[in-house]
Amino acid sequence: MTLDEISALTLEIVTIGVQWVLVPLILAGVVVLARSLVARAEEGEPLTSARAGGWAGLLLFFLYFVHSLPEFRVPGLDAETGMVLHVWGIAFGAALGF
């Protein structure tokens, strides 16, 4: 294996790990947090609102994830090297910031 093949394989493994391990773990953590918030809500309308908010957030996350899934790709090392300095952009940003 060449160095390029090894780096491409490593980047693919990292991408798959983030996409199919880290993101679902974060989602599971959010679900656990949402359930704990629902469990602490009082009876009646606050409890119903908490449950609805939890399910709506979960649904929106799944919709976003499925929508952006085709845009996930393995990072490549074929980026151009070098730095481009946009002086007018820096000046405009500094003026707008102050």
Protein backbone atom coordinates (compact mmCIF):
# COMPACT_ATOMS: atom_id res chain seq x y z
CA MET A 1 0.00 0.00 0.00
CA THR A 2 1.19 3.45 -0.79
CA LEU A 3 1.06 6.36 1.59
CA ASP A 4 -1.86 7.91 -0.31
CA GLU A 5 -3.88 4.70 -0.05
CA ILE A 6 -3.14 4.41 3.67
CA SER A 7 -4.17 8.02 4.31
CA ALA A 8 -7.32 7.61 2.21
CA LEU A 9 -8.24 4.45 4.13
CA THR A 10 -7.58 6.17 7.46
CA LEU A 11 -9.73 9.14 6.51
CA GLU A 12 -12.51 6.83 5.35
CA ILE A 13 -12.42 4.93 8.65
CA VAL A 14 -12.54 8.18 10.63
CA THR A 15 -15.44 9.46 8.53
CA ILE A 16 -17.41 6.25 8.99
CA GLY A 17 -16.65 6.32 12.72
CA VAL A 18 -17.91 9.86 13.08
CA GLN A 19 -20.95 9.27 10.87
CA TRP A 20 -22.11 5.97 12.32
CA VAL A 21 -20.70 5.95 15.86
CA LEU A 22 -20.17 9.48 17.19
CA VAL A 23 -23.32 11.07 15.75
CA PRO A 24 -25.62 8.29 17.04
CA LEU A 25 -23.94 8.51 20.47
CA ILE A 26 -24.60 12.26 20.56
CA LEU A 27 -28.20 11.61 19.53
CA ALA A 28 -28.57 9.03 22.29
CA GLY A 29 -27.20 11.52 24.80
CA VAL A 30 -29.68 14.15 23.65
CA VAL A 31 -32.52 11.65 23.94
CA VAL A 32 -31.46 10.74 27.49
CA LEU A 33 -31.27 14.42 28.39
CA ALA A 34 -34.69 15.10 26.87
CA ARG A 35 -36.22 12.16 28.75
CA SER A 36 -34.77 13.41 32.02
CA LEU A 37 -36.27 16.83 31.37
CA VAL A 38 -39.64 15.26 30.61
CA ALA A 39 -39.44 13.20 33.79
CA ARG A 40 -38.92 16.35 35.84
CA ALA A 41 -41.87 18.19 34.27
CA GLU A 42 -45.03 18.63 36.26
CA GLU A 43 -48.27 16.90 35.33
CA GLY A 44 -50.67 18.44 32.84
CA GLU A 45 -49.77 20.91 30.15
CA PRO A 46 -46.04 21.26 31.01
CA LEU A 47 -45.61 17.48 30.73
CA THR A 48 -47.41 17.37 27.38
CA SER A 49 -45.33 20.27 26.07
CA ALA A 50 -42.11 18.62 27.23
CA ARG A 51 -42.98 15.35 25.50
CA ALA A 52 -44.00 17.14 22.30
CA GLY A 53 -40.80 19.17 22.28
CA GLY A 54 -38.66 16.08 22.77
CA TRP A 55 -40.31 14.19 19.92
CA ALA A 56 -40.25 17.25 17.65
CA GLY A 57 -36.53 17.72 18.26
CA LEU A 58 -35.83 14.07 17.55
CA LEU A 59 -37.87 14.20 14.37
CA LEU A 60 -36.14 17.37 13.17
CA PHE A 61 -32.74 15.84 13.84
CA PHE A 62 -33.60 12.74 11.81
CA LEU A 63 -34.93 14.86 8.96
CA TYR A 64 -31.78 16.98 8.93
CA PHE A 65 -29.54 13.92 9.12
CA VAL A 66 -31.29 12.11 6.28
CA HIS A 67 -31.35 15.29 4.20
CA SER A 68 -27.62 15.94 4.63
CA LEU A 69 -26.51 12.29 4.36
CA PRO A 70 -25.71 12.48 0.60
CA GLU A 71 -23.40 15.44 1.27
CA PHE A 72 -21.17 13.43 3.64
CA ARG A 73 -18.02 12.40 1.90
CA VAL A 74 -14.61 11.17 2.86
CA PRO A 75 -12.22 14.05 3.36
CA GLY A 76 -9.43 14.13 0.82
CA LEU A 77 -5.88 15.32 0.90
CA ASP A 78 -6.11 16.94 -2.52
CA ALA A 79 -6.65 20.44 -1.16
CA GLU A 80 -4.65 23.21 -2.72
CA THR A 81 -1.82 24.45 -0.60
CA GLY A 82 -1.14 28.09 -0.16
CA MET A 83 -2.83 31.02 1.42
CA VAL A 84 -4.87 33.70 -0.26
CA LEU A 85 -5.16 37.02 1.52
CA HIS A 86 -8.25 39.07 0.73
CA VAL A 87 -7.31 42.53 1.94
CA TRP A 88 -10.65 44.15 1.09
CA GLY A 89 -12.53 41.43 2.95
CA ILE A 90 -10.33 41.94 6.01
CA ALA A 91 -10.78 45.70 5.86
CA PHE A 92 -14.54 45.41 5.43
CA GLY A 93 -14.82 42.90 8.28
CA ALA A 94 -12.71 45.07 10.58
CA ALA A 95 -14.74 48.17 9.75
CA LEU A 96 -18.03 46.31 10.23
CA GLY A 97 -16.79 44.77 13.48
CA PHE A 98 -15.89 48.07 15.00
